């Protein structure tokens, strides 16, 4: 009689384990959204390491339409930065746009420019943050401005 009880108890435990594993498999897998601050850090880190293919993946869809991946990756760049810090993040209502102020230390022609400020615009697409590219009218640091007529 004791052996039957033990066998029955063991079978019931196995059945419960199998059923709970099956329920876990049926529940939807939810991925946690990467916070904006982490996305900015990863984007800036990719640029600092000159990993242009990785940096390109952070651009929003409209930016990727303007510039092809290969064109961005093989673009000539005259300066790069050595360090960065995120100074400010402002998420705009209703929560799908943000501005991010980043400070960078940029070596240029033998000089170190500390704390050069850059404003970035970020947008949420399909639940994930992407940066609007600088391809359009933004002036790069250390490039001469056009003369006013």
C-alpha atoms as a PDB file:
ATOM      1  CA  UNK A   1       0.000   0.000   0.000  1.00  0.00           C
ATOM      2  CA  UNK A   2       2.853   2.396   0.859  1.00  0.00           C
ATOM      3  CA  UNK A   3       4.534   1.747  -2.479  1.00  0.00           C
ATOM      4  CA  UNK A   4       1.314   2.560  -4.357  1.00  0.00           C
ATOM      5  CA  UNK A   5       0.987   5.862  -2.492  1.00  0.00           C
ATOM      6  CA  UNK A   6       4.597   6.823  -3.223  1.00  0.00           C
ATOM      7  CA  UNK A   7       4.206   5.928  -6.875  1.00  0.00           C
ATOM      8  CA  UNK A   8       0.947   7.852  -7.089  1.00  0.00           C
ATOM      9  CA  UNK A   9       2.507  10.871  -5.325  1.00  0.00           C
ATOM     10  CA  UNK A  10       5.551  10.796  -7.631  1.00  0.00           C
ATOM     11  CA  UNK A  11       3.290  10.577 -10.697  1.00  0.00           C
ATOM     12  CA  UNK A  12       1.188  13.515  -9.446  1.00  0.00           C
ATOM     13  CA  UNK A  13       4.346  15.611  -8.895  1.00  0.00           C
ATOM     14  CA  UNK A  14       5.603  14.789 -12.395  1.00  0.00           C
ATOM     15  CA  UNK A  15       2.238  15.667 -13.889  1.00  0.00           C
ATOM     16  CA  UNK A  16       2.198  19.038 -12.080  1.00  0.00           C
ATOM     17  CA  UNK A  17       5.710  19.815 -13.336  1.00  0.00           C
ATOM     18  CA  UNK A  18       4.745  18.975 -16.893  1.00  0.00           C
ATOM     19  CA  UNK A  19       1.560  21.069 -16.702  1.00  0.00           C
ATOM     20  CA  UNK A  20       3.347  24.097 -15.234  1.00  0.00           C
ATOM     21  CA  UNK A  21       6.070  23.887 -17.895  1.00  0.00           C
ATOM     22  CA  UNK A  22       3.355  23.746 -20.557  1.00  0.00           C
ATOM     23  CA  UNK A  23       1.606  26.817 -19.118  1.00  0.00           C
ATOM     24  CA  UNK A  24       4.877  28.720 -19.037  1.00  0.00           C
ATOM     25  CA  UNK A  25       5.469  27.869 -22.686  1.00  0.00           C
ATOM     26  CA  UNK A  26       2.027  29.181 -23.631  1.00  0.00           C
ATOM     27  CA  UNK A  27       2.405  32.563 -21.924  1.00  0.00           C
ATOM     28  CA  UNK A  28       3.671  35.319 -24.217  1.00  0.00           C
ATOM     29  CA  UNK A  29       7.308  36.305 -23.879  1.00  0.00           C
ATOM     30  CA  UNK A  30       7.550  39.969 -23.059  1.00  0.00           C
ATOM     31  CA  UNK A  31      10.803  41.745 -23.704  1.00  0.00           C
ATOM     32  CA  UNK A  32      11.615  44.660 -21.516  1.00  0.00           C
ATOM     33  CA  UNK A  33      11.947  47.902 -23.431  1.00  0.00           C
ATOM     34  CA  UNK A  34      15.473  49.294 -23.313  1.00  0.00           C
ATOM     35  CA  UNK A  35      15.327  52.671 -21.526  1.00  0.00           C
ATOM     36  CA  UNK A  36      16.200  55.786 -23.515  1.00  0.00           C
ATOM     37  CA  UNK A  37      19.295  56.497 -21.419  1.00  0.00           C
ATOM     38  CA  UNK A  38      20.708  53.046 -22.246  1.00  0.00           C
ATOM     39  CA  UNK A  39      19.961  53.524 -25.956  1.00  0.00           C
ATOM     40  CA  UNK A  40      21.767  56.887 -25.945  1.00  0.00           C
ATOM     41  CA  UNK A  41      24.773  55.367 -24.140  1.00  0.00           C
ATOM     42  CA  UNK A  42      24.956  52.467 -26.589  1.00  0.00           C
ATOM     43  CA  UNK A  43      24.662  54.800 -29.593  1.00  0.00           C
ATOM     44  CA  UNK A  44      27.367  57.125 -28.296  1.00  0.00           C
ATOM     45  CA  UNK A  45      29.612  54.190 -27.369  1.00  0.00           C
ATOM     46  CA  UNK A  46      29.286  52.800 -30.909  1.00  0.00           C
ATOM     47  CA  UNK A  47      30.347  56.176 -32.317  1.00  0.00           C
ATOM     48  CA  UNK A  48      33.236  56.539 -29.886  1.00  0.00           C
ATOM     49  CA  UNK A  49      34.491  53.074 -30.847  1.00  0.00           C
ATOM     50  CA  UNK A  50      33.998  53.993 -34.517  1.00  0.00           C
ATOM     51  CA  UNK A  51      31.577  51.063 -34.987  1.00  0.00           C
ATOM     52  CA  UNK A  52      29.585  52.839 -37.684  1.00  0.00           C
ATOM     53  CA  UNK A  53      27.460  49.830 -38.638  1.00  0.00           C
ATOM     54  CA  UNK A  54      26.314  49.526 -35.026  1.00  0.00           C
ATOM     55  CA  UNK A  55      25.697  53.289 -34.770  1.00  0.00           C
ATOM     56  CA  UNK A  56      23.628  53.222 -37.970  1.00  0.00           C
ATOM     57  CA  UNK A  57      21.243  50.704 -36.388  1.00  0.00           C
ATOM     58  CA  UNK A  58      20.174  53.402 -33.892  1.00  0.00           C
ATOM     59  CA  UNK A  59      18.826  55.727 -36.626  1.00  0.00           C
ATOM     60  CA  UNK A  60      15.084  56.123 -37.060  1.00  0.00           C
ATOM     61  CA  UNK A  61      13.386  54.954 -40.249  1.00  0.00           C
ATOM     62  CA  UNK A  62      13.286  58.424 -41.875  1.00  0.00           C
ATOM     63  CA  UNK A  63      17.039  58.835 -41.324  1.00  0.00           C
ATOM     64  CA  UNK A  64      17.749  55.426 -42.839  1.00  0.00           C
ATOM     65  CA  UNK A  65      15.666  56.471 -45.874  1.00  0.00           C
ATOM     66  CA  UNK A  66      17.876  59.563 -46.362  1.00  0.00           C
ATOM     67  CA  UNK A  67      21.241  57.808 -46.165  1.00  0.00           C
ATOM     68  CA  UNK A  68      22.071  54.255 -47.131  1.00  0.00           C
ATOM     69  CA  UNK A  69      23.874  52.090 -44.582  1.00  0.00           C
ATOM     70  CA  UNK A  70      27.002  51.667 -46.734  1.00  0.00           C
ATOM     71  CA  UNK A  71      27.194  55.395 -47.394  1.00  0.00           C
ATOM     72  CA  UNK A  72      27.108  56.117 -43.668  1.00  0.00           C
ATOM     73  CA  UNK A  73      29.591  53.380 -42.721  1.00  0.00           C
ATOM     74  CA  UNK A  74      32.237  54.411 -45.261  1.00  0.00           C
ATOM     75  CA  UNK A  75      31.836  58.182 -44.792  1.00  0.00           C
ATOM     76  CA  UNK A  76      35.069  60.089 -44.119  1.00  0.00           C
ATOM     77  CA  UNK A  77      35.154  61.546 -40.619  1.00  0.00           C
ATOM     78  CA  UNK A  78      37.700  64.156 -39.549  1.00  0.00           C
ATOM     79  CA  UNK A  79      37.094  64.160 -35.816  1.00  0.00           C
ATOM     80  CA  UNK A  80      35.877  61.821 -33.155  1.00  0.00           C
ATOM     81  CA  UNK A  81      35.327  62.145 -29.424  1.00  0.00           C
ATOM     82  CA  UNK A  82      37.149  60.512 -26.529  1.00  0.00           C
ATOM     83  CA  UNK A  83      34.492  60.679 -23.820  1.00  0.00           C
ATOM     84  CA  UNK A  84      30.836  61.614 -23.406  1.00  0.00           C
ATOM     85  CA  UNK A  85      28.255  62.205 -20.732  1.00  0.00           C
ATOM     86  CA  UNK A  86      24.501  62.575 -20.885  1.00  0.00           C
ATOM     87  CA  UNK A  87      23.634  65.928 -19.388  1.00  0.00           C
ATOM     88  CA  UNK A  88      19.873  66.001 -19.813  1.00  0.00           C
ATOM     89  CA  UNK A  89      17.005  63.909 -21.158  1.00  0.00           C
ATOM     90  CA  UNK A  90      13.606  65.490 -21.774  1.00  0.00           C
ATOM     91  CA  UNK A  91      10.807  63.188 -22.859  1.00  0.00           C
ATOM     92  CA  UNK A  92       8.103  65.225 -24.557  1.00  0.00           C
ATOM     93  CA  UNK A  93       4.392  64.477 -24.149  1.00  0.00           C
ATOM     94  CA  UNK A  94       2.886  62.029 -25.109  1.00  0.00           C
ATOM     95  CA  UNK A  95       6.130  60.126 -24.492  1.00  0.00           C
ATOM     96  CA  UNK A  96       7.214  59.153 -28.006  1.00  0.00           C
ATOM     97  CA  UNK A  97       9.736  61.978 -28.602  1.00  0.00           C
ATOM     98  CA  UNK A  98      12.691  63.191 -26.573  1.00  0.00           C
ATOM     99  CA  UNK A  99      15.602  65.583 -26.683  1.00  0.00           C
ATOM    100  CA  UNK A 100      18.923  64.537 -25.223  1.00  0.00           C
ATOM    101  CA  UNK A 101      21.807  66.864 -24.413  1.00  0.00           C
ATOM    102  CA  UNK A 102      25.170  65.120 -24.609  1.00  0.00           C
ATOM    103  CA  UNK A 103      28.575  66.544 -23.706  1.00  0.00           C
ATOM    104  CA  UNK A 104      31.669  65.227 -25.480  1.00  0.00           C
ATOM    105  CA  UNK A 105      35.432  65.623 -25.195  1.00  0.00           C
ATOM    106  CA  UNK A 106      36.753  66.054 -28.737  1.00  0.00           C
ATOM    107  CA  UNK A 107      40.414  66.073 -29.765  1.00  0.00           C
ATOM    108  CA  UNK A 108      40.960  68.221 -32.850  1.00  0.00           C
ATOM    109  CA  UNK A 109      44.234  69.333 -34.441  1.00  0.00           C
ATOM    110  CA  UNK A 110      46.226  68.754 -31.267  1.00  0.00           C
ATOM    111  CA  UNK A 111      43.730  70.440 -28.943  1.00  0.00           C
ATOM    112  CA  UNK A 112      41.282  68.835 -26.545  1.00  0.00           C
ATOM    113  CA  UNK A 113      37.884  70.497 -26.511  1.00  0.00           C
ATOM    114  CA  UNK A 114      36.110  69.492 -23.295  1.00  0.00           C
ATOM    115  CA  UNK A 115      32.352  69.451 -22.850  1.00  0.00           C
ATOM    116  CA  UNK A 116      31.288  70.167 -26.432  1.00  0.00           C
ATOM    117  CA  UNK A 117      27.498  70.109 -26.373  1.00  0.00           C
ATOM    118  CA  UNK A 118      25.301  68.225 -28.810  1.00  0.00           C
ATOM    119  CA  UNK A 119      21.501  68.050 -28.876  1.00  0.00           C
ATOM    120  CA  UNK A 120      19.959  64.859 -30.172  1.00  0.00           C
ATOM    121  CA  UNK A 121      16.347  64.196 -31.099  1.00  0.00           C
ATOM    122  CA  UNK A 122      15.011  60.725 -30.347  1.00  0.00           C
ATOM    123  CA  UNK A 123      11.718  59.155 -31.416  1.00  0.00           C
ATOM    124  CA  UNK A 124       9.943  55.979 -30.424  1.00  0.00           C
ATOM    125  CA  UNK A 125       9.163  53.576 -33.260  1.00  0.00           C
ATOM    126  CA  UNK A 126       7.435  50.262 -32.555  1.00  0.00           C
ATOM    127  CA  UNK A 127       8.176  50.664 -28.854  1.00  0.00           C
ATOM    128  CA  UNK A 128      11.914  51.310 -29.205  1.00  0.00           C
ATOM    129  CA  UNK A 129      13.915  54.564 -29.150  1.00  0.00           C
ATOM    130  CA  UNK A 130      15.777  55.722 -32.285  1.00  0.00           C
ATOM    131  CA  UNK A 131      17.844  58.837 -32.924  1.00  0.00           C
ATOM    132  CA  UNK A 132      17.002  61.289 -35.691  1.00  0.00           C
ATOM    133  CA  UNK A 133      20.077  61.616 -37.865  1.00  0.00           C
ATOM    134  CA  UNK A 134      22.319  64.609 -38.172  1.00  0.00           C
ATOM    135  CA  UNK A 135      22.364  64.265 -41.970  1.00  0.00           C
ATOM    136  CA  UNK A 136      20.195  67.266 -42.664  1.00  0.00           C
ATOM    137  CA  UNK A 137      20.717  70.878 -41.713  1.00  0.00           C
ATOM    138  CA  UNK A 138      22.637  70.483 -38.457  1.00  0.00           C
ATOM    139  CA  UNK A 139      26.060  72.082 -38.462  1.00  0.00           C
ATOM    140  CA  UNK A 140      28.912  69.902 -37.256  1.00  0.00           C
ATOM    141  CA  UNK A 141      31.342  71.222 -34.644  1.00  0.00           C
ATOM    142  CA  UNK A 142      34.471  72.814 -36.089  1.00  0.00           C
ATOM    143  CA  UNK A 143      33.032  73.347 -39.573  1.00  0.00           C
ATOM    144  CA  UNK A 144      32.893  76.939 -40.798  1.00  0.00           C
ATOM    145  CA  UNK A 145      29.496  78.553 -41.078  1.00  0.00           C
ATOM    146  CA  UNK A 146      28.368  79.875 -44.430  1.00  0.00           C
ATOM    147  CA  UNK A 147      28.619  83.620 -44.820  1.00  0.00           C
ATOM    148  CA  UNK A 148      25.379  85.542 -44.474  1.00  0.00           C
ATOM    149  CA  UNK A 149      24.330  87.483 -47.590  1.00  0.00           C
END
